[in-house]
Amino acid sequence: MKFTANQIAEILNGEIVGNSEAVVSKLSKIEEGEEGSLTFLSNPKYTNYVHSTNASVCIVNKDFEPKENTSVTLIKVEDSYEAFSKLLGYYEEFKKTKKLGVEDPHFMGEDVSLGEDIYIGAFSYIGNNAKIGNKVSIHPNSYIGDNVEIGDNTVIYPGSKVFSDCIIGENCVLHGGVIIGADGFGFTPNDKGVFTKVPQTGNVIIEDDVDVGAGTTIDRATLGSTIIRKGVKLDNQIQIAHNVEIGEHTAIAAQTGIAGSTRIGKHCIIGGQVGIVGHIKIGDHVRIQAQTGVGKNVKDGQAIQGTPALGYSDFNKSYVHFRNLPKIVNQLNSIEKKISKDE
């Protein structure tokens, strides 16, 4: 499908500098742009490519001014990255043919409520009393347990499993292999050191506009609910234990593990391979760097790094000394030898 610069500018409410009739039919990175492609400039490190790219149209920030003449047509917007992301969404919608209907074979339990314009792929299982909202897509080989509720416009990709009594909000995305509502890791040792299972009787509640990456697991609560609040974004292969609560619009990168009953605040950013112990509270607007081990409460607005975690700036200062430790040891040895010789 082809678009003119003028059509794109109308979608983005942008200002055109150059040929408003320039035509694009594909997307590209700015350094790999070719004729007929649309690209964007967000990172200042790539500014020079504006003058050399062969792309036909480039989205830039409103305050951008090229240092020299450029053949590419510019579309100026408030935030080029956000605008390009919006266009990617349009591109995906045009590219995909949305499937509708219920494919065979499938299993449908008793008293299932199905909304309008839904898609249920082949080999899917829908349990008793499940409630499926409007425009929900459940792709092949998915499992939806008894009493599960799924809100409007949610997409569940192949191989995902939502176990009994869990609630998924509207406009959510569960990528392939996601498991929602498996039993939490609840075991208690008896006087002989033998572990006995503690029944996990709660559920998982995922609020609206949540994305869950491939292979991520969110365990059901022992009692009550494990809760993922509105707008949370979870990367691939994350483990979220029973009774955890994650606040609105928090983003968590891959391979992070969060132990049971921990509370994470709103608008936090958590890097990859972070380990968080159970029964602690992490405040709002916290930044946790990759591979950090968090073993105690974290106050609002802190940035932490290290294992165990230190203040971000303290860690960076200390790292200089960690890196120079062999040199420092040699200097201490030399001083010790000199003192011994003088004695």
Protein backbone atom coordinates (compact mmCIF):
# COMPACT_ATOMS: atom_id res chain seq x y z
CA MET A 1 0.00 0.00 0.00
CA LYS A 2 1.28 3.44 -0.93
CA PHE A 3 0.96 6.74 0.96
CA THR A 4 1.97 10.28 0.12
CA ALA A 5 3.84 12.55 2.51
CA ASN A 6 0.69 14.66 2.68
CA GLN A 7 -1.44 11.69 3.82
CA ILE A 8 1.11 10.77 6.49
CA ALA A 9 1.30 14.37 7.71
CA GLU A 10 -2.49 14.42 8.10
CA ILE A 11 -2.41 11.24 10.22
CA LEU A 12 0.35 12.68 12.44
CA ASN A 13 -0.80 16.30 12.39
CA GLY A 14 2.68 17.17 11.09
CA GLU A 15 4.24 19.93 9.00
CA ILE A 16 5.77 19.06 5.62
CA VAL A 17 9.10 20.46 4.50
CA GLY A 18 9.74 19.34 0.91
CA ASN A 19 7.64 17.41 -1.60
CA SER A 20 4.17 16.80 -0.20
CA GLU A 21 3.47 14.30 -3.01
CA ALA A 22 6.49 12.08 -2.23
CA VAL A 23 5.25 8.48 -2.21
CA VAL A 24 6.30 5.73 0.22
CA SER A 25 5.36 2.06 0.33
CA LYS A 26 7.68 0.63 2.99
CA LEU A 27 9.52 1.44 6.22
CA SER A 28 13.26 1.60 6.84
CA LYS A 29 15.95 2.58 9.32
CA ILE A 30 17.40 5.96 8.44
CA GLU A 31 20.88 4.58 7.71
CA GLU A 32 19.38 1.97 5.36
CA GLY A 33 16.79 4.19 3.70
CA GLU A 34 16.03 3.68 0.02
CA GLU A 35 13.77 5.36 -2.48
CA GLY A 36 10.11 4.86 -1.65
CA SER A 37 10.71 4.24 2.06
CA LEU A 38 9.61 6.12 5.17
CA THR A 39 12.02 6.58 8.11
CA PHE A 40 12.44 8.73 11.21
CA LEU A 41 15.10 10.59 13.19
CA SER A 42 14.96 10.47 16.98
CA ASN A 43 18.48 9.76 18.23
CA PRO A 44 20.83 12.75 17.64
CA LYS A 45 23.66 10.30 16.84
CA TYR A 46 21.96 9.57 13.52
CA THR A 47 21.49 13.22 12.47
CA ASN A 48 24.08 13.03 9.67
CA TYR A 49 22.05 10.34 7.92
CA VAL A 50 19.34 12.89 7.16
CA HIS A 51 21.71 14.34 4.56
CA SER A 52 22.73 11.00 3.03
CA THR A 53 19.68 8.74 3.33
CA ASN A 54 17.91 7.65 0.17
CA ALA A 55 14.57 7.45 1.98
CA SER A 56 11.80 9.51 0.43
CA VAL A 57 10.22 10.77 3.67
CA CYS A 58 11.67 11.24 7.16
CA ILE A 59 9.78 12.08 10.35
CA VAL A 60 11.68 14.51 12.60
CA ASN A 61 11.06 16.53 15.74
CA LYS A 62 9.46 19.94 15.32
CA ASP A 63 12.64 21.82 16.30
CA PHE A 64 14.91 19.95 13.86
CA GLU A 65 16.73 22.03 11.25
CA PRO A 66 19.05 20.32 8.74
CA LYS A 67 22.59 21.70 8.58
CA GLU A 68 22.68 21.40 4.81
CA ASN A 69 20.33 20.76 1.92
CA THR A 70 18.67 17.35 1.87
CA SER A 71 16.62 15.60 -0.78
CA VAL A 72 14.41 13.76 1.72
CA THR A 73 10.99 15.22 2.49
CA LEU A 74 10.66 16.02 6.19
CA ILE A 75 7.53 15.74 8.30
CA LYS A 76 7.91 17.72 11.54
CA VAL A 77 6.02 16.49 14.62
CA GLU A 78 6.16 16.97 18.38
CA ASP A 79 7.81 13.60 19.04
CA SER A 80 9.23 11.71 16.05
CA TYR A 81 9.68 8.41 17.90
CA GLU A 82 6.12 8.39 19.16
CA ALA A 83 4.81 9.39 15.73
CA PHE A 84 6.74 6.63 13.97
CA SER A 85 5.45 4.11 16.52
CA LYS A 86 1.92 5.25 15.71
CA LEU A 87 2.57 4.67 12.02
CA LEU A 88 3.94 1.20 12.75
CA GLY A 89 0.58 0.43 14.32
CA TYR A 90 -1.21 1.58 11.16
CA TYR A 91 1.21 -0.46 9.04
CA GLU A 92 0.51 -3.61 11.07
CA GLU A 93 -3.23 -3.15 10.75
CA PHE A 94 -3.02 -2.74 6.97
CA LYS A 95 -0.60 -5.65 6.62
CA LYS A 96 -2.61 -8.12 8.64
CA THR A 97 -5.90 -9.63 7.59
CA LYS A 98 -7.91 -9.87 10.79
CA LYS A 99 -9.40 -13.31 11.25
CA LEU A 100 -12.93 -13.77 12.55
CA GLY A 101 -14.98 -16.76 13.61
CA VAL A 102 -14.37 -20.03 15.41
CA GLU A 103 -12.10 -22.54 13.71
CA ASP A 104 -12.37 -26.31 14.02
CA PRO A 105 -11.33 -28.38 15.82
CA HIS A 106 -11.81 -26.61 19.15
CA PHE A 107 -13.40 -27.32 22.54
CA MET A 108 -16.08 -25.07 23.95
CA GLY A 109 -17.27 -25.66 27.54
CA GLU A 110 -20.70 -25.06 28.99
CA ASP A 111 -22.24 -21.61 29.52
CA VAL A 112 -19.51 -19.79 27.60
CA SER A 113 -20.26 -16.15 26.77
CA LEU A 114 -18.85 -15.02 23.42
CA GLY A 115 -18.73 -11.37 22.30
CA GLU A 116 -19.05 -10.05 18.77
CA ASP A 117 -16.36 -10.16 16.05
CA ILE A 118 -14.20 -12.69 17.89
CA TYR A 119 -11.61 -15.13 16.59
CA ILE A 120 -10.91 -18.51 18.19
CA GLY A 121 -8.18 -20.48 16.45
CA ALA A 122 -7.99 -24.20 15.84
CA PHE A 123 -7.11 -26.55 18.72
CA SER A 124 -8.08 -23.96 21.32
CA TYR A 125 -9.80 -24.93 24.58
CA ILE A 126 -12.40 -22.66 26.19
CA GLY A 127 -13.49 -23.76 29.66
CA ASN A 128 -16.87 -23.65 31.38
CA ASN A 129 -18.39 -20.25 32.20
CA ALA A 130 -15.66 -18.36 30.35
CA LYS A 131 -16.57 -14.82 29.28
CA ILE A 132 -14.96 -13.61 26.06
CA GLY A 133 -15.43 -9.93 25.16
CA ASN A 134 -15.95 -8.23 21.81
CA LYS A 135 -13.22 -8.33 19.16
CA VAL A 136 -11.09 -10.75 21.17
CA SER A 137 -8.59 -12.88 19.22
CA ILE A 138 -7.56 -16.22 20.70
CA HIS A 139 -4.99 -17.84 18.42
CA PRO A 140 -4.50 -21.58 17.86
CA ASN A 141 -3.39 -23.96 20.61
CA SER A 142 -4.47 -21.61 23.40
CA TYR A 143 -6.04 -22.71 26.69
CA ILE A 144 -8.67 -20.63 28.48
CA GLY A 145 -9.74 -22.19 31.78
CA ASP A 146 -13.03 -22.26 33.63
CA ASN A 147 -14.50 -18.93 34.78
CA VAL A 148 -11.88 -16.87 32.95
CA GLU A 149 -12.89 -13.36 31.84
CA ILE A 150 -11.25 -11.66 28.85
CA GLY A 151 -12.02 -8.02 28.02
CA ASP A 152 -12.71 -6.40 24.66
CA ASN A 153 -9.98 -6.12 21.99
CA THR A 154 -7.55 -8.42 23.78
CA VAL A 155 -5.24 -10.66 21.73
CA ILE A 156 -3.95 -14.00 22.98
CA TYR A 157 -1.26 -15.48 20.76
CA PRO A 158 -0.62 -19.20 20.07
CA GLY A 159 0.27 -21.55 22.88
CA SER A 160 -0.74 -19.23 25.72
CA LYS A 161 -2.59 -20.52 28.77
CA VAL A 162 -4.92 -18.64 31.11
CA PHE A 163 -5.89 -20.88 33.99
CA SER A 164 -9.18 -20.91 35.89
CA ASP A 165 -10.72 -17.83 37.51
CA CYS A 166 -8.18 -15.35 36.09
CA ILE A 167 -9.32 -11.99 34.70
CA ILE A 168 -7.75 -10.29 31.67
CA GLY A 169 -8.73 -6.69 30.91
CA GLU A 170 -9.37 -4.82 27.69
CA ASN A 171 -6.78 -4.09 24.98
CA CYS A 172 -4.27 -6.55 26.41
CA VAL A 173 -1.74 -8.63 24.46
CA LEU A 174 -0.50 -12.03 25.65
CA HIS A 175 2.31 -13.24 23.40
CA GLY A 176 3.12 -16.86 22.59
CA GLY A 177 3.73 -19.26 25.47
CA VAL A 178 2.51 -16.94 28.23
CA ILE A 179 1.14 -18.73 31.30
CA ILE A 180 -1.28 -16.85 33.52
CA GLY A 181 -2.47 -18.37 36.78
CA ALA A 182 -0.19 -21.34 37.31
CA ASP A 183 0.23 -22.27 40.98
CA GLY A 184 2.51 -20.07 43.03
CA PHE A 185 5.65 -21.63 44.55
CA GLY A 186 3.96 -22.41 47.84
CA PHE A 187 5.54 -25.18 49.91
CA THR A 188 6.20 -25.49 53.63
CA PRO A 189 8.61 -27.96 55.31
CA ASN A 190 7.41 -30.19 58.15
CA ASP A 191 9.50 -31.22 61.15
CA LYS A 192 11.22 -33.86 59.01
CA GLY A 193 12.21 -31.32 56.36
CA VAL A 194 9.72 -32.67 53.84
CA PHE A 195 7.98 -30.01 51.77
CA THR A 196 4.18 -29.97 51.71
CA LYS A 197 2.24 -28.03 49.09
CA VAL A 198 0.21 -25.03 50.21
CA PRO A 199 -2.95 -24.80 48.06
CA GLN A 200 -2.95 -21.78 45.77
CA THR A 201 -6.59 -20.69 45.87
CA GLY A 202 -6.39 -17.15 44.44
CA ASN A 203 -6.22 -15.84 40.88
CA VAL A 204 -4.46 -13.35 38.60
CA ILE A 205 -6.01 -10.02 37.62
CA ILE A 206 -4.53 -8.21 34.63
CA GLU A 207 -6.01 -4.76 34.09
CA ASP A 208 -6.44 -2.90 30.77
CA ASP A 209 -3.72 -2.10 28.21
CA VAL A 210 -1.18 -4.62 29.52
CA ASP A 211 1.38 -6.34 27.23
CA VAL A 212 2.89 -9.65 28.36
CA GLY A 213 5.93 -10.92 26.44
CA ALA A 214 6.50 -14.45 25.17
CA GLY A 215 7.23 -17.11 27.77
CA THR A 216 6.39 -14.90 30.75
CA THR A 217 4.67 -16.57 33.72
CA ILE A 218 2.42 -14.89 36.28
CA ASP A 219 1.46 -17.11 39.20
CA ARG A 220 -1.93 -17.13 40.90
CA ALA A 221 -2.15 -15.89 44.47
CA THR A 222 -2.19 -18.15 47.50
CA LEU A 223 -5.13 -16.07 48.74
CA GLY A 224 -6.60 -13.07 46.96
CA SER A 225 -5.04 -11.95 43.67
CA THR A 226 -1.75 -11.39 41.89
CA ILE A 227 -2.40 -8.01 40.24
CA ILE A 228 -0.88 -6.41 37.14
CA ARG A 229 -2.19 -2.85 36.96
CA LYS A 230 -3.22 -0.80 33.93
CA GLY A 231 -0.65 -0.10 31.22
CA VAL A 232 2.11 -2.41 32.52
CA LYS A 233 4.56 -3.68 29.87
CA LEU A 234 6.30 -7.00 30.50
CA ASP A 235 9.11 -8.35 28.32
CA ASN A 236 9.77 -12.01 27.48
CA GLN A 237 10.61 -14.69 30.05
CA ILE A 238 9.73 -12.85 33.25
CA GLN A 239 8.67 -14.70 36.40
CA ILE A 240 6.10 -13.00 38.64
CA ALA A 241 5.29 -14.93 41.79
CA HIS A 242 2.12 -15.28 43.83
CA ASN A 243 0.49 -12.20 45.35
CA VAL A 244 2.84 -9.75 43.62
CA GLU A 245 1.31 -6.41 42.64
CA ILE A 246 2.81 -4.26 39.86
CA GLY A 247 1.69 -0.64 39.62
CA GLU A 248 0.36 1.23 36.61
CA HIS A 249 2.58 1.89 33.58
CA THR A 250 5.62 0.06 34.94
CA ALA A 251 7.91 -1.61 32.37
CA ILE A 252 10.04 -4.69 33.12
CA ALA A 253 12.72 -6.19 30.85
CA ALA A 254 13.42 -9.85 30.15
CA GLN A 255 14.52 -12.53 32.63
CA THR A 256 13.55 -10.56 35.70
CA GLY A 257 12.23 -12.57 38.65
CA ILE A 258 9.95 -11.14 41.34
CA ALA A 259 9.35 -13.20 44.48
CA GLY A 260 6.04 -13.51 46.28
CA SER A 261 4.01 -10.71 47.88
CA THR A 262 6.29 -7.89 46.68
CA ARG A 263 4.65 -4.59 45.72
CA ILE A 264 6.08 -2.56 42.85
CA GLY A 265 4.92 1.01 42.33
CA LYS A 266 3.77 3.06 39.35
CA HIS A 267 5.91 4.22 36.42
CA CYS A 268 8.94 2.11 37.36
CA ILE A 269 11.58 0.93 34.88
CA ILE A 270 13.21 -2.41 35.71
CA GLY A 271 16.10 -3.73 33.60
CA GLY A 272 16.81 -7.27 32.46
CA GLN A 273 17.88 -10.10 34.80
CA VAL A 274 16.87 -8.22 37.93
CA GLY A 275 16.14 -10.36 40.99
CA ILE A 276 13.69 -9.02 43.58
CA VAL A 277 13.09 -10.77 46.91
CA GLY A 278 9.65 -11.30 48.36
CA HIS A 279 7.60 -9.26 50.82
CA ILE A 280 9.20 -5.87 50.06
CA LYS A 281 7.85 -2.62 48.66
CA ILE A 282 9.33 -0.73 45.71
CA GLY A 283 8.08 2.85 45.36
CA ASP A 284 6.85 4.84 42.36
CA HIS A 285 9.15 6.10 39.58
CA VAL A 286 11.99 3.76 40.62
CA ARG A 287 14.76 2.87 38.14
CA ILE A 288 16.47 -0.50 38.62
CA GLN A 289 19.47 -1.20 36.38
CA ALA A 290 20.05 -4.60 34.72
CA GLN A 291 21.31 -7.52 36.84
CA THR A 292 20.54 -5.77 40.10
CA GLY A 293 19.63 -7.80 43.18
CA VAL A 294 16.99 -6.04 45.28
CA GLY A 295 16.78 -7.27 48.86
CA LYS A 296 15.05 -4.46 50.71
CA ASN A 297 12.46 -1.72 50.30
CA VAL A 298 13.16 1.00 47.73
CA LYS A 299 11.80 4.54 48.17
CA ASP A 300 10.04 6.58 45.49
CA GLY A 301 12.22 7.98 42.73
CA GLN A 302 15.42 6.07 43.53
CA ALA A 303 17.79 4.68 40.88
CA ILE A 304 19.69 1.58 42.06
CA GLN A 305 22.23 -0.88 40.71
CA GLY A 306 24.40 -3.75 41.93
CA THR A 307 24.10 -6.93 43.94
CA PRO A 308 23.18 -6.22 46.61
CA ALA A 309 21.80 -3.01 45.22
CA LEU A 310 23.52 0.31 45.89
CA GLY A 311 22.53 3.82 44.97
CA TYR A 312 23.17 4.22 41.25
CA SER A 313 25.75 7.02 41.63
CA ASP A 314 27.43 5.21 44.57
CA PHE A 315 27.74 2.07 42.45
CA ASN A 316 29.39 3.96 39.59
CA LYS A 317 31.89 5.60 41.95
CA SER A 318 32.66 2.28 43.61
CA TYR A 319 33.08 0.55 40.25
CA VAL A 320 36.11 2.74 39.50
CA HIS A 321 37.76 1.26 42.59
CA PHE A 322 36.61 -2.29 41.76
CA ARG A 323 38.26 -2.01 38.37
CA ASN A 324 41.50 -0.68 39.87
CA LEU A 325 41.57 -3.18 42.73
CA PRO A 326 44.57 -5.22 41.44
CA LYS A 327 46.59 -2.02 41.04
CA ILE A 328 45.59 -0.83 44.51
CA VAL A 329 46.59 -4.20 46.03
CA ASN A 330 50.01 -4.01 44.34
CA GLN A 331 50.51 -0.51 45.71
CA LEU A 332 49.59 -1.66 49.22
CA ASN A 333 51.98 -4.59 48.95
CA SER A 334 54.78 -2.26 47.86
CA ILE A 335 54.09 0.09 50.80
CA GLU A 336 54.02 -2.85 53.22
CA LYS A 337 57.37 -4.14 51.92
CA LYS A 338 58.90 -0.69 52.21
CA ILE A 339 57.66 -0.31 55.80
CA SER A 340 59.00 -3.75 56.70
CA LYS A 341 62.38 -2.92 55.15
CA ASP A 342 62.61 0.40 57.01
CA GLU A 343 61.90 -1.35 60.29
